[in-house]
Amino acid sequence: MAAGGKRLSVHLADQDDKILVMALNHQTREQDAAGAVPAGVAVLRTVDACGAHTDHDGHAWWALLDARPAPKKRLA
C-alpha cells in the first residue's frame, strides 16, 4: 500500500448480493493520507463503488462488489 504501513488487515462482508472488501493500513500518522483507490480496482466490471478514507484506525481503501452471477452469453 502506498502509505507504507507494515500492518495491513483485509476485512470482508457480504449482504444482498454485494461484497464489501476493505484493506486497512494501520498507520495513524497525521501527515499520511489514504490516497486514491488504485485505478485498476476502480475500473473492474464488478465494482459498484469504491473509495478511501483516513481515521483514527489508519487508512482504508474499500470496494463494494456486485456478487450476482453475470448473465450467460447467448450463442447465435
N, C-alpha and C. Protein backbone atom coordinates (compact mmCIF):
# COMPACT_ATOMS: atom_id res chain seq x y z
N MET A 1 0.84 -1.17 0.00
CA MET A 1 0.00 0.00 0.00
C MET A 1 0.89 1.24 0.00
N ALA A 2 0.44 2.27 -0.62
CA ALA A 2 1.24 3.46 -0.81
C ALA A 2 1.61 4.16 0.48
N ALA A 3 0.80 4.02 1.54
CA ALA A 3 1.08 4.72 2.79
C ALA A 3 2.24 4.12 3.55
N GLY A 4 2.70 2.94 3.18
CA GLY A 4 3.91 2.37 3.75
C GLY A 4 3.75 1.64 5.06
N GLY A 5 2.56 1.30 5.46
CA GLY A 5 2.37 0.59 6.72
C GLY A 5 2.88 -0.84 6.66
N LYS A 6 3.30 -1.35 7.80
CA LYS A 6 3.77 -2.73 7.87
C LYS A 6 2.68 -3.64 8.40
N ARG A 7 1.64 -3.07 8.98
CA ARG A 7 0.50 -3.85 9.46
C ARG A 7 -0.68 -3.58 8.55
N LEU A 8 -1.20 -4.61 7.94
CA LEU A 8 -2.31 -4.49 7.00
C LEU A 8 -3.33 -5.56 7.32
N SER A 9 -4.60 -5.19 7.34
CA SER A 9 -5.64 -6.19 7.52
C SER A 9 -6.66 -6.03 6.41
N VAL A 10 -7.27 -7.14 6.04
CA VAL A 10 -8.29 -7.15 5.00
C VAL A 10 -9.57 -7.65 5.64
N HIS A 11 -10.65 -6.92 5.42
CA HIS A 11 -11.95 -7.26 6.01
C HIS A 11 -12.95 -7.49 4.88
N LEU A 12 -13.78 -8.51 5.04
CA LEU A 12 -14.80 -8.85 4.05
C LEU A 12 -16.16 -8.89 4.72
N ALA A 13 -17.19 -8.46 4.00
CA ALA A 13 -18.57 -8.56 4.48
C ALA A 13 -19.45 -8.80 3.26
N ASP A 14 -20.58 -9.49 3.48
CA ASP A 14 -21.50 -9.71 2.38
C ASP A 14 -22.93 -9.47 2.83
N GLN A 15 -23.74 -8.95 1.91
CA GLN A 15 -25.16 -8.72 2.15
C GLN A 15 -25.83 -8.37 0.83
N ASP A 16 -26.99 -8.97 0.59
CA ASP A 16 -27.82 -8.63 -0.57
C ASP A 16 -27.04 -8.68 -1.89
N ASP A 17 -26.35 -9.78 -2.14
CA ASP A 17 -25.58 -9.97 -3.38
C ASP A 17 -24.47 -8.95 -3.59
N LYS A 18 -23.97 -8.38 -2.50
CA LYS A 18 -22.85 -7.43 -2.55
C LYS A 18 -21.76 -7.93 -1.60
N ILE A 19 -20.52 -7.64 -1.96
CA ILE A 19 -19.38 -7.98 -1.11
C ILE A 19 -18.59 -6.70 -0.87
N LEU A 20 -18.34 -6.41 0.40
CA LEU A 20 -17.52 -5.26 0.76
C LEU A 20 -16.12 -5.77 1.09
N VAL A 21 -15.12 -5.23 0.41
CA VAL A 21 -13.72 -5.57 0.67
C VAL A 21 -13.04 -4.29 1.16
N MET A 22 -12.42 -4.38 2.34
CA MET A 22 -11.73 -3.21 2.88
C MET A 22 -10.32 -3.61 3.30
N ALA A 23 -9.34 -2.88 2.82
CA ALA A 23 -7.95 -3.07 3.23
C ALA A 23 -7.58 -1.92 4.14
N LEU A 24 -7.16 -2.23 5.36
CA LEU A 24 -6.83 -1.22 6.35
C LEU A 24 -5.33 -1.23 6.63
N ASN A 25 -4.70 -0.11 6.40
CA ASN A 25 -3.28 0.09 6.68
C ASN A 25 -3.21 0.76 8.04
N HIS A 26 -2.66 0.09 9.02
CA HIS A 26 -2.67 0.57 10.40
C HIS A 26 -1.59 1.63 10.65
N GLN A 27 -1.55 2.65 9.82
CA GLN A 27 -0.68 3.81 10.00
C GLN A 27 -1.58 4.94 10.47
N THR A 28 -1.22 5.63 11.51
CA THR A 28 -2.06 6.70 12.03
C THR A 28 -1.38 8.05 12.03
N ARG A 29 -0.26 8.16 11.37
CA ARG A 29 0.43 9.45 11.34
C ARG A 29 -0.44 10.46 10.59
N GLU A 30 -0.55 11.67 11.15
CA GLU A 30 -1.41 12.71 10.60
C GLU A 30 -1.04 13.08 9.16
N GLN A 31 0.25 13.10 8.85
CA GLN A 31 0.67 13.58 7.53
C GLN A 31 0.38 12.58 6.42
N ASP A 32 0.16 11.32 6.76
CA ASP A 32 -0.15 10.32 5.74
C ASP A 32 -1.62 10.39 5.38
N ALA A 33 -1.92 10.20 4.13
CA ALA A 33 -3.31 10.18 3.68
C ALA A 33 -3.56 8.86 2.97
N ALA A 34 -4.79 8.45 2.92
CA ALA A 34 -5.13 7.18 2.28
C ALA A 34 -4.79 7.19 0.80
N GLY A 35 -4.94 8.31 0.14
CA GLY A 35 -4.68 8.39 -1.28
C GLY A 35 -5.84 7.80 -2.06
N ALA A 36 -5.78 7.94 -3.34
CA ALA A 36 -6.86 7.47 -4.22
C ALA A 36 -6.88 5.95 -4.29
N VAL A 37 -8.05 5.42 -4.56
CA VAL A 37 -8.18 3.99 -4.81
C VAL A 37 -7.42 3.68 -6.10
N PRO A 38 -6.64 2.60 -6.13
CA PRO A 38 -5.90 2.28 -7.36
C PRO A 38 -6.84 2.17 -8.57
N ALA A 39 -6.43 2.76 -9.67
CA ALA A 39 -7.26 2.78 -10.88
C ALA A 39 -7.62 1.36 -11.34
N GLY A 40 -6.74 0.41 -11.12
CA GLY A 40 -7.01 -0.97 -11.53
C GLY A 40 -8.20 -1.57 -10.80
N VAL A 41 -8.51 -1.07 -9.61
CA VAL A 41 -9.68 -1.53 -8.86
C VAL A 41 -10.93 -0.80 -9.35
N ALA A 42 -10.84 0.49 -9.49
CA ALA A 42 -12.00 1.33 -9.83
C ALA A 42 -12.65 0.95 -11.16
N VAL A 43 -11.89 0.41 -12.09
CA VAL A 43 -12.44 0.11 -13.41
C VAL A 43 -12.96 -1.32 -13.57
N LEU A 44 -12.85 -2.14 -12.53
CA LEU A 44 -13.34 -3.52 -12.64
C LEU A 44 -14.85 -3.54 -12.87
N ARG A 45 -15.32 -4.44 -13.68
CA ARG A 45 -16.73 -4.52 -14.04
C ARG A 45 -17.62 -4.79 -12.84
N THR A 46 -17.14 -5.53 -11.86
CA THR A 46 -17.96 -5.89 -10.71
C THR A 46 -17.96 -4.84 -9.60
N VAL A 47 -17.20 -3.76 -9.72
CA VAL A 47 -17.13 -2.73 -8.69
C VAL A 47 -18.31 -1.77 -8.83
N ASP A 48 -19.18 -1.74 -7.80
CA ASP A 48 -20.29 -0.79 -7.78
C ASP A 48 -19.85 0.56 -7.25
N ALA A 49 -18.95 0.55 -6.26
CA ALA A 49 -18.45 1.78 -5.67
C ALA A 49 -17.12 1.47 -5.00
N CYS A 50 -16.29 2.50 -4.84
CA CYS A 50 -15.03 2.32 -4.14
C CYS A 50 -14.58 3.66 -3.59
N GLY A 51 -13.70 3.61 -2.62
CA GLY A 51 -13.24 4.86 -2.04
C GLY A 51 -12.12 4.63 -1.05
N ALA A 52 -11.73 5.71 -0.39
CA ALA A 52 -10.65 5.67 0.58
C ALA A 52 -10.97 6.67 1.67
N HIS A 53 -10.48 6.38 2.87
CA HIS A 53 -10.64 7.34 3.97
C HIS A 53 -9.54 7.12 5.01
N THR A 54 -9.33 8.13 5.81
CA THR A 54 -8.36 8.08 6.90
C THR A 54 -9.09 8.44 8.18
N ASP A 55 -8.89 7.65 9.24
CA ASP A 55 -9.46 7.97 10.55
C ASP A 55 -8.50 7.52 11.64
N HIS A 56 -8.97 7.42 12.88
CA HIS A 56 -8.09 7.09 14.00
C HIS A 56 -7.49 5.69 13.91
N ASP A 57 -8.10 4.80 13.14
CA ASP A 57 -7.58 3.44 12.97
C ASP A 57 -6.49 3.34 11.91
N GLY A 58 -6.39 4.32 11.04
CA GLY A 58 -5.43 4.29 9.94
C GLY A 58 -6.09 4.66 8.64
N HIS A 59 -5.56 4.13 7.56
CA HIS A 59 -6.03 4.45 6.22
C HIS A 59 -6.73 3.23 5.63
N ALA A 60 -7.88 3.45 5.03
CA ALA A 60 -8.63 2.32 4.47
C ALA A 60 -8.94 2.58 3.00
N TRP A 61 -8.82 1.53 2.23
CA TRP A 61 -9.27 1.51 0.85
C TRP A 61 -10.38 0.47 0.80
N TRP A 62 -11.51 0.77 0.15
CA TRP A 62 -12.62 -0.17 0.13
C TRP A 62 -13.25 -0.23 -1.26
N ALA A 63 -13.90 -1.36 -1.51
CA ALA A 63 -14.63 -1.55 -2.77
C ALA A 63 -15.88 -2.37 -2.47
N LEU A 64 -17.01 -1.96 -3.06
CA LEU A 64 -18.25 -2.70 -2.96
C LEU A 64 -18.44 -3.43 -4.29
N LEU A 65 -18.46 -4.75 -4.22
CA LEU A 65 -18.52 -5.58 -5.42
C LEU A 65 -19.90 -6.18 -5.60
N ASP A 66 -20.34 -6.29 -6.83
CA ASP A 66 -21.60 -6.96 -7.16
C ASP A 66 -21.30 -8.44 -7.29
N ALA A 67 -21.95 -9.26 -6.47
CA ALA A 67 -21.67 -10.70 -6.45
C ALA A 67 -22.67 -11.52 -7.28
N ARG A 68 -23.62 -10.85 -7.92
CA ARG A 68 -24.58 -11.60 -8.74
C ARG A 68 -23.87 -12.18 -9.96
N PRO A 69 -24.22 -13.40 -10.32
CA PRO A 69 -23.58 -14.00 -11.50
C PRO A 69 -23.89 -13.18 -12.75
N ALA A 70 -22.91 -13.08 -13.60
CA ALA A 70 -23.11 -12.39 -14.87
C ALA A 70 -24.04 -13.24 -15.76
N PRO A 71 -24.88 -12.58 -16.56
CA PRO A 71 -25.76 -13.36 -17.44
C PRO A 71 -24.95 -14.19 -18.43
N LYS A 72 -25.48 -15.34 -18.76
CA LYS A 72 -24.80 -16.20 -19.72
C LYS A 72 -24.85 -15.56 -21.10
N LYS A 73 -23.78 -15.77 -21.84
CA LYS A 73 -23.74 -15.27 -23.22
C LYS A 73 -24.57 -16.21 -24.09
N ARG A 74 -25.31 -15.63 -24.97
CA ARG A 74 -26.12 -16.43 -25.89
C ARG A 74 -25.34 -16.69 -27.17
N LEU A 75 -25.37 -17.92 -27.58
CA LEU A 75 -24.72 -18.28 -28.83
C LEU A 75 -25.72 -18.10 -29.97
N ALA A 76 -25.25 -17.64 -31.08
CA ALA A 76 -26.11 -17.40 -32.24
C ALA A 76 -26.62 -18.66 -32.87
